[in-house]
Amino acid sequence: QVQLVESGGGLVQAGGSLRLSCAASGIIFSSNAMAWYRQAPGKQRELVAVIARTGSTNYADSVKGRFTMSRDNAKNTVYLQMNSLKPEDTAVYYCAAVWGMATMKSNLYDYWGQGTQVTVSS
């Protein structure tokens, strides 16, 4: 059974930081590209960051320079370090996994976590 379990969300003031984690089980983690998506109320889900099996990353323009995605294959975990948070970063953050190559197309991801709420107050 595949599970992706996000943690680390919470309430933070603008300018603050949070670190999200996503622990994976039931998959060959090192063979999967991973991604973070987010969805704010009334808005479509959007890609935040992607990390390939090699560790190379891509970010949405809105988070470049503020967010950093990383992976620890020994722990089957990906992270999203979020700095200089803004109220517009408020959303439910989801991690996702796809076997093989990284993609920015959400419909190609095989597995999704349940999400963790991030709320940034002004």
PDB file of N, CA and C in Angstrom:
ATOM      1  N   GLN A   1       0.843  -1.195   0.000  1.00  0.00           N
ATOM      2  CA  GLN A   1       0.000   0.000   0.000  1.00  0.00           C
ATOM      3  C   GLN A   1       0.876   1.243   0.000  1.00  0.00           C
ATOM      4  N   VAL A   2       0.624   2.114  -0.945  1.00  0.00           N
ATOM      5  CA  VAL A   2       1.408   3.333  -1.065  1.00  0.00           C
ATOM      6  C   VAL A   2       0.834   4.406  -0.152  1.00  0.00           C
ATOM      7  N   GLN A   3       1.726   5.064   0.552  1.00  0.00           N
ATOM      8  CA  GLN A   3       1.307   6.186   1.394  1.00  0.00           C
ATOM      9  C   GLN A   3       2.292   7.336   1.237  1.00  0.00           C
ATOM     10  N   LEU A   4       1.743   8.523   1.104  1.00  0.00           N
ATOM     11  CA  LEU A   4       2.516   9.759   1.160  1.00  0.00           C
ATOM     12  C   LEU A   4       1.912  10.572   2.297  1.00  0.00           C
ATOM     13  N   VAL A   5       2.724  10.866   3.292  1.00  0.00           N
ATOM     14  CA  VAL A   5       2.207  11.536   4.485  1.00  0.00           C
ATOM     15  C   VAL A   5       2.946  12.854   4.673  1.00  0.00           C
ATOM     16  N   GLU A   6       2.213  13.951   4.499  1.00  0.00           N
ATOM     17  CA  GLU A   6       2.777  15.280   4.687  1.00  0.00           C
ATOM     18  C   GLU A   6       2.679  15.708   6.151  1.00  0.00           C
ATOM     19  N   SER A   7       3.616  16.540   6.551  1.00  0.00           N
ATOM     20  CA  SER A   7       3.600  17.115   7.886  1.00  0.00           C
ATOM     21  C   SER A   7       4.357  18.435   7.850  1.00  0.00           C
ATOM     22  N   GLY A   8       4.197  19.202   8.923  1.00  0.00           N
ATOM     23  CA  GLY A   8       4.955  20.437   9.053  1.00  0.00           C
ATOM     24  C   GLY A   8       4.176  21.709   8.784  1.00  0.00           C
ATOM     25  N   GLY A   9       2.934  21.571   8.353  1.00  0.00           N
ATOM     26  CA  GLY A   9       2.135  22.768   8.122  1.00  0.00           C
ATOM     27  C   GLY A   9       1.759  23.456   9.423  1.00  0.00           C
ATOM     28  N   GLY A  10       1.184  24.636   9.282  1.00  0.00           N
ATOM     29  CA  GLY A  10       0.762  25.376  10.467  1.00  0.00           C
ATOM     30  C   GLY A  10       0.482  26.822  10.142  1.00  0.00           C
ATOM     31  N   LEU A  11       0.384  27.614  11.209  1.00  0.00           N
ATOM     32  CA  LEU A  11       0.115  29.044  11.105  1.00  0.00           C
ATOM     33  C   LEU A  11       1.401  29.806  11.371  1.00  0.00           C
ATOM     34  N   VAL A  12       1.725  30.727  10.474  1.00  0.00           N
ATOM     35  CA  VAL A  12       2.947  31.500  10.617  1.00  0.00           C
ATOM     36  C   VAL A  12       2.688  32.929  10.148  1.00  0.00           C
ATOM     37  N   GLN A  13       3.413  33.858  10.700  1.00  0.00           N
ATOM     38  CA  GLN A  13       3.274  35.250  10.271  1.00  0.00           C
ATOM     39  C   GLN A  13       4.027  35.476   8.959  1.00  0.00           C
ATOM     40  N   ALA A  14       3.582  36.473   8.234  1.00  0.00           N
ATOM     41  CA  ALA A  14       4.278  36.835   6.999  1.00  0.00           C
ATOM     42  C   ALA A  14       5.748  37.122   7.302  1.00  0.00           C
ATOM     43  N   GLY A  15       6.599  36.620   6.402  1.00  0.00           N
ATOM     44  CA  GLY A  15       8.032  36.745   6.596  1.00  0.00           C
ATOM     45  C   GLY A  15       8.658  35.563   7.321  1.00  0.00           C
ATOM     46  N   GLY A  16       7.826  34.720   7.876  1.00  0.00           N
ATOM     47  CA  GLY A  16       8.316  33.571   8.615  1.00  0.00           C
ATOM     48  C   GLY A  16       8.656  32.387   7.724  1.00  0.00           C
ATOM     49  N   SER A  17       8.996  31.278   8.374  1.00  0.00           N
ATOM     50  CA  SER A  17       9.424  30.077   7.649  1.00  0.00           C
ATOM     51  C   SER A  17       8.702  28.847   8.175  1.00  0.00           C
ATOM     52  N   LEU A  18       8.561  27.881   7.295  1.00  0.00           N
ATOM     53  CA  LEU A  18       8.069  26.554   7.645  1.00  0.00           C
ATOM     54  C   LEU A  18       8.824  25.529   6.823  1.00  0.00           C
ATOM     55  N   ARG A  19       8.918  24.322   7.352  1.00  0.00           N
ATOM     56  CA  ARG A  19       9.516  23.225   6.610  1.00  0.00           C
ATOM     57  C   ARG A  19       8.514  22.081   6.548  1.00  0.00           C
ATOM     58  N   LEU A  20       8.078  21.771   5.350  1.00  0.00           N
ATOM     59  CA  LEU A  20       7.177  20.657   5.142  1.00  0.00           C
ATOM     60  C   LEU A  20       7.963  19.391   4.859  1.00  0.00           C
ATOM     61  N   SER A  21       7.422  18.260   5.301  1.00  0.00           N
ATOM     62  CA  SER A  21       8.008  16.958   5.011  1.00  0.00           C
ATOM     63  C   SER A  21       6.954  16.074   4.376  1.00  0.00           C
ATOM     64  N   CYS A  22       7.400  15.144   3.562  1.00  0.00           N
ATOM     65  CA  CYS A  22       6.514  14.149   2.963  1.00  0.00           C
ATOM     66  C   CYS A  22       7.234  12.816   3.019  1.00  0.00           C
ATOM     67  N   ALA A  23       6.710  11.925   3.842  1.00  0.00           N
ATOM     68  CA  ALA A  23       7.305  10.603   4.009  1.00  0.00           C
ATOM     69  C   ALA A  23       6.559   9.606   3.129  1.00  0.00           C
ATOM     70  N   ALA A  24       7.304   8.884   2.330  1.00  0.00           N
ATOM     71  CA  ALA A  24       6.711   7.929   1.390  1.00  0.00           C
ATOM     72  C   ALA A  24       6.955   6.499   1.839  1.00  0.00           C
ATOM     73  N   SER A  25       5.976   5.661   1.585  1.00  0.00           N
ATOM     74  CA  SER A  25       6.130   4.224   1.823  1.00  0.00           C
ATOM     75  C   SER A  25       5.379   3.467   0.740  1.00  0.00           C
ATOM     76  N   GLY A  26       5.820   2.244   0.494  1.00  0.00           N
ATOM     77  CA  GLY A  26       5.145   1.415  -0.505  1.00  0.00           C
ATOM     78  C   GLY A  26       5.586   1.662  -1.932  1.00  0.00           C
ATOM     79  N   ILE A  27       6.574   2.536  -2.130  1.00  0.00           N
ATOM     80  CA  ILE A  27       7.123   2.787  -3.459  1.00  0.00           C
ATOM     81  C   ILE A  27       8.638   2.681  -3.405  1.00  0.00           C
ATOM     82  N   ILE A  28       9.248   2.461  -4.567  1.00  0.00           N
ATOM     83  CA  ILE A  28      10.709   2.526  -4.653  1.00  0.00           C
ATOM     84  C   ILE A  28      11.047   3.997  -4.783  1.00  0.00           C
ATOM     85  N   PHE A  29      11.300   4.609  -3.651  1.00  0.00           N
ATOM     86  CA  PHE A  29      11.372   6.065  -3.578  1.00  0.00           C
ATOM     87  C   PHE A  29      12.386   6.644  -4.543  1.00  0.00           C
ATOM     88  N   SER A  30      13.556   6.017  -4.627  1.00  0.00           N
ATOM     89  CA  SER A  30      14.622   6.579  -5.459  1.00  0.00           C
ATOM     90  C   SER A  30      14.281   6.536  -6.947  1.00  0.00           C
ATOM     91  N   SER A  31      13.288   5.771  -7.326  1.00  0.00           N
ATOM     92  CA  SER A  31      12.868   5.672  -8.719  1.00  0.00           C
ATOM     93  C   SER A  31      11.748   6.637  -9.070  1.00  0.00           C
ATOM     94  N   ASN A  32      11.342   7.422  -8.092  1.00  0.00           N
ATOM     95  CA  ASN A  32      10.230   8.337  -8.284  1.00  0.00           C
ATOM     96  C   ASN A  32      10.676   9.787  -8.270  1.00  0.00           C
ATOM     97  N   ALA A  33      10.159  10.557  -9.212  1.00  0.00           N
ATOM     98  CA  ALA A  33      10.227  11.997  -9.088  1.00  0.00           C
ATOM     99  C   ALA A  33       9.114  12.415  -8.126  1.00  0.00           C
ATOM    100  N   MET A  34       9.345  13.513  -7.440  1.00  0.00           N
ATOM    101  CA  MET A  34       8.399  13.980  -6.435  1.00  0.00           C
ATOM    102  C   MET A  34       8.068  15.446  -6.693  1.00  0.00           C
ATOM    103  N   ALA A  35       6.902  15.835  -6.223  1.00  0.00           N
ATOM    104  CA  ALA A  35       6.477  17.218  -6.420  1.00  0.00           C
ATOM    105  C   ALA A  35       5.691  17.707  -5.218  1.00  0.00           C
ATOM    106  N   TRP A  36       5.683  19.010  -5.065  1.00  0.00           N
ATOM    107  CA  TRP A  36       4.782  19.686  -4.129  1.00  0.00           C
ATOM    108  C   TRP A  36       3.809  20.519  -4.951  1.00  0.00           C
ATOM    109  N   TYR A  37       2.535  20.365  -4.638  1.00  0.00           N
ATOM    110  CA  TYR A  37       1.480  21.181  -5.205  1.00  0.00           C
ATOM    111  C   TYR A  37       0.783  21.902  -4.059  1.00  0.00           C
ATOM    112  N   ARG A  38       0.016  22.920  -4.409  1.00  0.00           N
ATOM    113  CA  ARG A  38      -0.792  23.583  -3.400  1.00  0.00           C
ATOM    114  C   ARG A  38      -2.120  24.005  -4.008  1.00  0.00           C
ATOM    115  N   GLN A  39      -3.106  24.121  -3.128  1.00  0.00           N
ATOM    116  CA  GLN A  39      -4.418  24.572  -3.564  1.00  0.00           C
ATOM    117  C   GLN A  39      -5.000  25.498  -2.513  1.00  0.00           C
ATOM    118  N   ALA A  40      -5.248  26.715  -2.931  1.00  0.00           N
ATOM    119  CA  ALA A  40      -5.873  27.710  -2.066  1.00  0.00           C
ATOM    120  C   ALA A  40      -7.386  27.654  -2.264  1.00  0.00           C
ATOM    121  N   PRO A  41      -8.151  28.121  -1.274  1.00  0.00           N
ATOM    122  CA  PRO A  41      -9.610  28.099  -1.402  1.00  0.00           C
ATOM    123  C   PRO A  41     -10.084  28.835  -2.651  1.00  0.00           C
ATOM    124  N   GLY A  42     -10.930  28.181  -3.429  1.00  0.00           N
ATOM    125  CA  GLY A  42     -11.477  28.800  -4.621  1.00  0.00           C
ATOM    126  C   GLY A  42     -10.537  28.868  -5.803  1.00  0.00           C
ATOM    127  N   LYS A  43      -9.365  28.266  -5.664  1.00  0.00           N
ATOM    128  CA  LYS A  43      -8.395  28.325  -6.752  1.00  0.00           C
ATOM    129  C   LYS A  43      -8.033  26.916  -7.213  1.00  0.00           C
ATOM    130  N   GLN A  44      -7.469  26.849  -8.399  1.00  0.00           N
ATOM    131  CA  GLN A  44      -7.020  25.561  -8.918  1.00  0.00           C
ATOM    132  C   GLN A  44      -5.723  25.142  -8.237  1.00  0.00           C
ATOM    133  N   ARG A  45      -5.518  23.847  -8.205  1.00  0.00           N
ATOM    134  CA  ARG A  45      -4.251  23.326  -7.691  1.00  0.00           C
ATOM    135  C   ARG A  45      -3.123  23.783  -8.597  1.00  0.00           C
ATOM    136  N   GLU A  46      -2.005  24.179  -7.995  1.00  0.00           N
ATOM    137  CA  GLU A  46      -0.877  24.645  -8.779  1.00  0.00           C
ATOM    138  C   GLU A  46       0.404  23.981  -8.315  1.00  0.00           C
ATOM    139  N   LEU A  47       1.311  23.809  -9.274  1.00  0.00           N
ATOM    140  CA  LEU A  47       2.604  23.231  -8.975  1.00  0.00           C
ATOM    141  C   LEU A  47       3.457  24.227  -8.206  1.00  0.00           C
ATOM    142  N   VAL A  48       4.116  23.739  -7.184  1.00  0.00           N
ATOM    143  CA  VAL A  48       5.035  24.568  -6.414  1.00  0.00           C
ATOM    144  C   VAL A  48       6.473  24.235  -6.774  1.00  0.00           C
ATOM    145  N   ALA A  49       6.822  22.948  -6.716  1.00  0.00           N
ATOM    146  CA  ALA A  49       8.199  22.522  -6.980  1.00  0.00           C
ATOM    147  C   ALA A  49       8.214  21.053  -7.366  1.00  0.00           C
ATOM    148  N   VAL A  50       9.230  20.718  -8.137  1.00  0.00           N
ATOM    149  CA  VAL A  50       9.434  19.340  -8.574  1.00  0.00           C
ATOM    150  C   VAL A  50      10.892  18.971  -8.333  1.00  0.00           C
ATOM    151  N   ILE A  51      11.120  17.727  -7.924  1.00  0.00           N
ATOM    152  CA  ILE A  51      12.486  17.247  -7.789  1.00  0.00           C
ATOM    153  C   ILE A  51      12.605  15.914  -8.532  1.00  0.00           C
ATOM    154  N   ALA A  52      13.600  15.843  -9.393  1.00  0.00           N
ATOM    155  CA  ALA A  52      13.830  14.635 -10.164  1.00  0.00           C
ATOM    156  C   ALA A  52      14.547  13.580  -9.325  1.00  0.00           C
ATOM    157  N   ARG A  53      14.666  12.402  -9.889  1.00  0.00           N
ATOM    158  CA  ARG A  53      15.398  11.329  -9.207  1.00  0.00           C
ATOM    159  C   ARG A  53      16.849  11.728  -8.960  1.00  0.00           C
ATOM    160  N   THR A  54      17.364  12.565  -9.846  1.00  0.00           N
ATOM    161  CA  THR A  54      18.758  13.014  -9.728  1.00  0.00           C
ATOM    162  C   THR A  54      18.939  14.080  -8.662  1.00  0.00           C
ATOM    163  N   GLY A  55      17.841  14.671  -8.227  1.00  0.00           N
ATOM    164  CA  GLY A  55      17.910  15.760  -7.264  1.00  0.00           C
ATOM    165  C   GLY A  55      17.774  17.134  -7.883  1.00  0.00           C
ATOM    166  N   SER A  56      17.711  17.207  -9.193  1.00  0.00           N
ATOM    167  CA  SER A  56      17.521  18.510  -9.829  1.00  0.00           C
ATOM    168  C   SER A  56      16.099  18.995  -9.569  1.00  0.00           C
ATOM    169  N   THR A  57      15.952  20.293  -9.487  1.00  0.00           N
ATOM    170  CA  THR A  57      14.673  20.879  -9.078  1.00  0.00           C
ATOM    171  C   THR A  57      14.184  21.933 -10.059  1.00  0.00           C
ATOM    172  N   ASN A  58      12.882  22.138 -10.033  1.00  0.00           N
ATOM    173  CA  ASN A  58      12.245  23.236 -10.746  1.00  0.00           C
ATOM    174  C   ASN A  58      11.195  23.836  -9.836  1.00  0.00           C
ATOM    175  N   TYR A  59      11.020  25.149  -9.963  1.00  0.00           N
ATOM    176  CA  TYR A  59      10.110  25.856  -9.072  1.00  0.00           C
ATOM    177  C   TYR A  59       9.148  26.738  -9.864  1.00  0.00           C
ATOM    178  N   ALA A  60       7.988  26.938  -9.281  1.00  0.00           N
ATOM    179  CA  ALA A  60       7.079  27.938  -9.820  1.00  0.00           C
ATOM    180  C   ALA A  60       7.710  29.310  -9.637  1.00  0.00           C
ATOM    181  N   ASP A  61       7.443  30.210 -10.568  1.00  0.00           N
ATOM    182  CA  ASP A  61       8.027  31.551 -10.494  1.00  0.00           C
ATOM    183  C   ASP A  61       7.662  32.245  -9.187  1.00  0.00           C
ATOM    184  N   SER A  62       6.475  31.962  -8.681  1.00  0.00           N
ATOM    185  CA  SER A  62       5.992  32.649  -7.485  1.00  0.00           C
ATOM    186  C   SER A  62       6.769  32.276  -6.221  1.00  0.00           C
ATOM    187  N   VAL A  63       7.520  31.176  -6.267  1.00  0.00           N
ATOM    188  CA  VAL A  63       8.239  30.745  -5.064  1.00  0.00           C
ATOM    189  C   VAL A  63       9.753  30.704  -5.255  1.00  0.00           C
ATOM    190  N   LYS A  64      10.218  30.982  -6.458  1.00  0.00           N
ATOM    191  CA  LYS A  64      11.663  30.944  -6.724  1.00  0.00           C
ATOM    192  C   LYS A  64      12.397  31.901  -5.797  1.00  0.00           C
ATOM    193  N   GLY A  65      13.488  31.419  -5.230  1.00  0.00           N
ATOM    194  CA  GLY A  65      14.281  32.232  -4.331  1.00  0.00           C
ATOM    195  C   GLY A  65      13.797  32.218  -2.892  1.00  0.00           C
ATOM    196  N   ARG A  66      12.593  31.670  -2.665  1.00  0.00           N
ATOM    197  CA  ARG A  66      12.050  31.608  -1.301  1.00  0.00           C
ATOM    198  C   ARG A  66      11.886  30.167  -0.812  1.00  0.00           C
ATOM    199  N   PHE A  67      11.539  29.268  -1.721  1.00  0.00           N
ATOM    200  CA  PHE A  67      11.297  27.873  -1.365  1.00  0.00           C
ATOM    201  C   PHE A  67      12.419  26.998  -1.900  1.00  0.00           C
ATOM    202  N   THR A  68      12.742  25.955  -1.147  1.00  0.00           N
ATOM    203  CA  THR A  68      13.742  24.983  -1.581  1.00  0.00           C
ATOM    204  C   THR A  68      13.221  23.579  -1.344  1.00  0.00           C
ATOM    205  N   MET A  69      13.212  22.795  -2.403  1.00  0.00           N
ATOM    206  CA  MET A  69      12.794  21.398  -2.292  1.00  0.00           C
ATOM    207  C   MET A  69      14.016  20.502  -2.285  1.00  0.00           C
ATOM    208  N   SER A  70      13.990  19.487  -1.438  1.00  0.00           N
ATOM    209  CA  SER A  70      15.092  18.534  -1.366  1.00  0.00           C
ATOM    210  C   SER A  70      14.544  17.146  -1.103  1.00  0.00           C
ATOM    211  N   ARG A  71      15.403  16.158  -1.254  1.00  0.00           N
ATOM    212  CA  ARG A  71      14.986  14.784  -0.996  1.00  0.00           C
ATOM    213  C   ARG A  71      16.096  14.038  -0.266  1.00  0.00           C
ATOM    214  N   ASP A  72      15.670  13.078   0.562  1.00  0.00           N
ATOM    215  CA  ASP A  72      16.590  12.210   1.277  1.00  0.00           C
ATOM    216  C   ASP A  72      16.151  10.787   0.958  1.00  0.00           C
ATOM    217  N   ASN A  73      16.836  10.162   0.029  1.00  0.00           N
ATOM    218  CA  ASN A  73      16.434   8.828  -0.403  1.00  0.00           C
ATOM    219  C   ASN A  73      16.609   7.787   0.702  1.00  0.00           C
ATOM    220  N   ALA A  74      17.527   8.029   1.614  1.00  0.00           N
ATOM    221  CA  ALA A  74      17.721   7.086   2.724  1.00  0.00           C
ATOM    222  C   ALA A  74      16.530   7.087   3.671  1.00  0.00           C
ATOM    223  N   LYS A  75      15.822   8.214   3.708  1.00  0.00           N
ATOM    224  CA  LYS A  75      14.666   8.337   4.601  1.00  0.00           C
ATOM    225  C   LYS A  75      13.336   8.301   3.845  1.00  0.00           C
ATOM    226  N   ASN A  76      13.401   8.125   2.526  1.00  0.00           N
ATOM    227  CA  ASN A  76      12.177   8.114   1.708  1.00  0.00           C
ATOM    228  C   ASN A  76      11.327   9.365   1.960  1.00  0.00           C
ATOM    229  N   THR A  77      11.992  10.494   2.022  1.00  0.00           N
ATOM    230  CA  THR A  77      11.315  11.730   2.403  1.00  0.00           C
ATOM    231  C   THR A  77      11.747  12.880   1.496  1.00  0.00           C
ATOM    232  N   VAL A  78      10.775  13.721   1.161  1.00  0.00           N
ATOM    233  CA  VAL A  78      11.076  14.990   0.510  1.00  0.00           C
ATOM    234  C   VAL A  78      10.692  16.116   1.454  1.00  0.00           C
ATOM    235  N   TYR A  79      11.338  17.249   1.225  1.00  0.00           N
ATOM    236  CA  TYR A  79      11.129  18.405   2.088  1.00  0.00           C
ATOM    237  C   TYR A  79      10.827  19.630   1.226  1.00  0.00           C
ATOM    238  N   LEU A  80      10.161  20.568   1.834  1.00  0.00           N
ATOM    239  CA  LEU A  80       9.961  21.873   1.212  1.00  0.00           C
ATOM    240  C   LEU A  80      10.244  22.926   2.271  1.00  0.00           C
ATOM    241  N   GLN A  81      11.397  23.555   2.145  1.00  0.00           N
ATOM    242  CA  GLN A  81      11.749  24.648   3.043  1.00  0.00           C
ATOM    243  C   GLN A  81      11.157  25.924   2.474  1.00  0.00           C
ATOM    244  N   MET A  82      10.307  26.557   3.246  1.00  0.00           N
ATOM    245  CA  MET A  82       9.603  27.753   2.793  1.00  0.00           C
ATOM    246  C   MET A  82      10.021  28.934   3.648  1.00  0.00           C
ATOM    247  N   ASN A  83      10.672  29.902   3.040  1.00  0.00           N
ATOM    248  CA  ASN A  83      11.124  31.108   3.726  1.00  0.00           C
ATOM    249  C   ASN A  83      10.405  32.322   3.174  1.00  0.00           C
ATOM    250  N   SER A  84      10.483  33.412   3.913  1.00  0.00           N
ATOM    251  CA  SER A  84       9.861  34.676   3.485  1.00  0.00           C
ATOM    252  C   SER A  84       8.418  34.455   3.044  1.00  0.00           C
ATOM    253  N   LEU A  85       7.677  33.755   3.864  1.00  0.00           N
ATOM    254  CA  LEU A  85       6.304  33.405   3.502  1.00  0.00           C
ATOM    255  C   LEU A  85       5.431  34.635   3.383  1.00  0.00           C
ATOM    256  N   LYS A  86       4.484  34.538   2.450  1.00  0.00           N
ATOM    257  CA  LYS A  86       3.550  35.618   2.177  1.00  0.00           C
ATOM    258  C   LYS A  86       2.126  35.110   2.390  1.00  0.00           C
ATOM    259  N   PRO A  87       1.184  36.009   2.658  1.00  0.00           N
ATOM    260  CA  PRO A  87      -0.208  35.568   2.813  1.00  0.00           C
ATOM    261  C   PRO A  87      -0.710  34.791   1.599  1.00  0.00           C
ATOM    262  N   GLU A  88      -0.247  35.126   0.430  1.00  0.00           N
ATOM    263  CA  GLU A  88      -0.683  34.420  -0.776  1.00  0.00           C
ATOM    264  C   GLU A  88      -0.125  32.996  -0.880  1.00  0.00           C
ATOM    265  N   ASP A  89       0.758  32.610   0.032  1.00  0.00           N
ATOM    266  CA  ASP A  89       1.224  31.221   0.089  1.00  0.00           C
ATOM    267  C   ASP A  89       0.254  30.337   0.866  1.00  0.00           C
ATOM    268  N   THR A  90      -0.759  30.936   1.463  1.00  0.00           N
ATOM    269  CA  THR A  90      -1.753  30.178   2.223  1.00  0.00           C
ATOM    270  C   THR A  90      -2.466  29.189   1.317  1.00  0.00           C
ATOM    271  N   ALA A  91      -2.428  27.909   1.695  1.00  0.00           N
ATOM    272  CA  ALA A  91      -3.020  26.852   0.872  1.00  0.00           C
ATOM    273  C   ALA A  91      -2.854  25.523   1.595  1.00  0.00           C
ATOM    274  N   VAL A  92      -3.514  24.512   1.042  1.00  0.00           N
ATOM    275  CA  VAL A  92      -3.208  23.139   1.429  1.00  0.00           C
ATOM    276  C   VAL A  92      -2.105  22.657   0.493  1.00  0.00           C
ATOM    277  N   TYR A  93      -1.045  22.134   1.074  1.00  0.00           N
ATOM    278  CA  TYR A  93       0.104  21.674   0.309  1.00  0.00           C
ATOM    279  C   TYR A  93       0.085  20.145   0.237  1.00  0.00           C
ATOM    280  N   TYR A  94       0.248  19.649  -0.982  1.00  0.00           N
ATOM    281  CA  TYR A  94       0.221  18.215  -1.238  1.00  0.00           C
ATOM    282  C   TYR A  94       1.544  17.762  -1.848  1.00  0.00           C
ATOM    283  N   CYS A  95       1.989  16.587  -1.457  1.00  0.00           N
ATOM    284  CA  CYS A  95       3.104  16.006  -2.189  1.00  0.00           C
ATOM    285  C   CYS A  95       2.569  14.918  -3.107  1.00  0.00           C
ATOM    286  N   ALA A  96       3.312  14.658  -4.154  1.00  0.00           N
ATOM    287  CA  ALA A  96       2.903  13.697  -5.166  1.00  0.00           C
ATOM    288  C   ALA A  96       4.122  12.956  -5.684  1.00  0.00           C
ATOM    289  N   ALA A  97       3.884  11.743  -6.171  1.00  0.00           N
ATOM    290  CA  ALA A  97       4.976  10.899  -6.666  1.00  0.00           C
ATOM    291  C   ALA A  97       4.636  10.346  -8.037  1.00  0.00           C
ATOM    292  N   VAL A  98       5.649  10.286  -8.891  1.00  0.00           N
ATOM    293  CA  VAL A  98       5.501   9.672 -10.214  1.00  0.00           C
ATOM    294  C   VAL A  98       6.737   8.843 -10.489  1.00  0.00           C
ATOM    295  N   TRP A  99       6.465   7.617 -10.971  1.00  0.00           N
ATOM    296  CA  TRP A  99       7.606   6.757 -11.278  1.00  0.00           C
ATOM    297  C   TRP A  99       8.311   7.298 -12.507  1.00  0.00           C
ATOM    298  N   GLY A 100       9.647   7.379 -12.418  1.00  0.00           N
ATOM    299  CA  GLY A 100      10.425   7.787 -13.575  1.00  0.00           C
ATOM    300  C   GLY A 100      10.716   9.275 -13.605  1.00  0.00           C
ATOM    301  N   MET A 101      10.523   9.845 -14.780  1.00  0.00           N
ATOM    302  CA  MET A 101      10.968  11.214 -14.993  1.00  0.00           C
ATOM    303  C   MET A 101      10.044  12.232 -14.346  1.00  0.00           C
ATOM    304  N   ALA A 102      10.642  13.353 -13.951  1.00  0.00           N
ATOM    305  CA  ALA A 102       9.865  14.430 -13.369  1.00  0.00           C
ATOM    306  C   ALA A 102       8.967  15.059 -14.427  1.00  0.00           C
ATOM    307  N   THR A 103       7.843  15.547 -13.986  1.00  0.00           N
ATOM    308  CA  THR A 103       6.894  16.191 -14.872  1.00  0.00           C
ATOM    309  C   THR A 103       6.188  17.302 -14.126  1.00  0.00           C
ATOM    310  N   MET A 104       5.720  18.281 -14.893  1.00  0.00           N
ATOM    311  CA  MET A 104       4.949  19.360 -14.292  1.00  0.00           C
ATOM    312  C   MET A 104       3.449  19.145 -14.494  1.00  0.00           C
ATOM    313  N   LYS A 105       3.095  18.012 -15.108  1.00  0.00           N
ATOM    314  CA  LYS A 105       1.690  17.721 -15.391  1.00  0.00           C
ATOM    315  C   LYS A 105       1.092  16.925 -14.236  1.00  0.00           C
ATOM    316  N   SER A 106       0.186  17.547 -13.503  1.00  0.00           N
ATOM    317  CA  SER A 106      -0.351  16.912 -12.301  1.00  0.00           C
ATOM    318  C   SER A 106      -1.096  15.614 -12.599  1.00  0.00           C
ATOM    319  N   ASN A 107      -1.680  15.514 -13.786  1.00  0.00           N
ATOM    320  CA  ASN A 107      -2.456  14.320 -14.089  1.00  0.00           C
ATOM    321  C   ASN A 107      -1.581  13.099 -14.310  1.00  0.00           C
ATOM    322  N   LEU A 108      -0.270  13.307 -14.388  1.00  0.00           N
ATOM    323  CA  LEU A 108       0.640  12.177 -14.585  1.00  0.00           C
ATOM    324  C   LEU A 108       1.156  11.606 -13.273  1.00  0.00           C
ATOM    325  N   TYR A 109       0.888  12.277 -12.171  1.00  0.00           N
ATOM    326  CA  TYR A 109       1.369  11.781 -10.887  1.00  0.00           C
ATOM    327  C   TYR A 109       0.517  10.604 -10.424  1.00  0.00           C
ATOM    328  N   ASP A 110       1.207   9.587  -9.939  1.00  0.00           N
ATOM    329  CA  ASP A 110       0.537   8.335  -9.581  1.00  0.00           C
ATOM    330  C   ASP A 110      -0.077   8.375  -8.185  1.00  0.00           C
ATOM    331  N   TYR A 111       0.596   9.037  -7.280  1.00  0.00           N
ATOM    332  CA  TYR A 111       0.176   8.994  -5.876  1.00  0.00           C
ATOM    333  C   TYR A 111       0.209  10.392  -5.272  1.00  0.00           C
ATOM    334  N   TRP A 112      -0.732  10.614  -4.354  1.00  0.00           N
ATOM    335  CA  TRP A 112      -0.876  11.904  -3.685  1.00  0.00           C
ATOM    336  C   TRP A 112      -1.036  11.695  -2.191  1.00  0.00           C
ATOM    337  N   GLY A 113      -0.525  12.665  -1.440  1.00  0.00           N
ATOM    338  CA  GLY A 113      -0.772  12.674  -0.018  1.00  0.00           C
ATOM    339  C   GLY A 113      -2.093  13.349   0.302  1.00  0.00           C
ATOM    340  N   GLN A 114      -2.398  13.412   1.599  1.00  0.00           N
ATOM    341  CA  GLN A 114      -3.684  13.978   2.034  1.00  0.00           C
ATOM    342  C   GLN A 114      -3.626  15.487   2.218  1.00  0.00           C
ATOM    343  N   GLY A 115      -2.424  16.025   2.217  1.00  0.00           N
ATOM    344  CA  GLY A 115      -2.261  17.476   2.315  1.00  0.00           C
ATOM    345  C   GLY A 115      -2.005  17.961   3.724  1.00  0.00           C
ATOM    346  N   THR A 116      -1.354  19.111   3.805  1.00  0.00           N
ATOM    347  CA  THR A 116      -1.120  19.777   5.081  1.00  0.00           C
ATOM    348  C   THR A 116      -1.391  21.261   4.888  1.00  0.00           C
ATOM    349  N   GLN A 117      -2.093  21.852   5.850  1.00  0.00           N
ATOM    350  CA  GLN A 117      -2.528  23.246   5.730  1.00  0.00           C
ATOM    351  C   GLN A 117      -1.395  24.195   6.125  1.00  0.00           C
ATOM    352  N   VAL A 118      -1.159  25.170   5.281  1.00  0.00           N
ATOM    353  CA  VAL A 118      -0.233  26.262   5.588  1.00  0.00           C
ATOM    354  C   VAL A 118      -1.033  27.555   5.558  1.00  0.00           C
ATOM    355  N   THR A 119      -0.979  28.294   6.647  1.00  0.00           N
ATOM    356  CA  THR A 119      -1.687  29.566   6.746  1.00  0.00           C
ATOM    357  C   THR A 119      -0.695  30.644   7.126  1.00  0.00           C
ATOM    358  N   VAL A 120      -0.633  31.685   6.314  1.00  0.00           N
ATOM    359  CA  VAL A 120       0.293  32.786   6.551  1.00  0.00           C
ATOM    360  C   VAL A 120      -0.531  34.034   6.855  1.00  0.00           C
ATOM    361  N   SER A 121      -0.351  34.567   8.030  1.00  0.00           N
ATOM    362  CA  SER A 121      -1.101  35.745   8.435  1.00  0.00           C
ATOM    363  C   SER A 121      -0.318  37.009   8.104  1.00  0.00           C
ATOM    364  N   SER A 122      -1.074  38.062   7.810  1.00  0.00           N
ATOM    365  CA  SER A 122      -0.425  39.335   7.436  1.00  0.00           C
ATOM    366  C   SER A 122      -0.163  40.194   8.652  1.00  0.00           C
TER     367      SER A 122
END
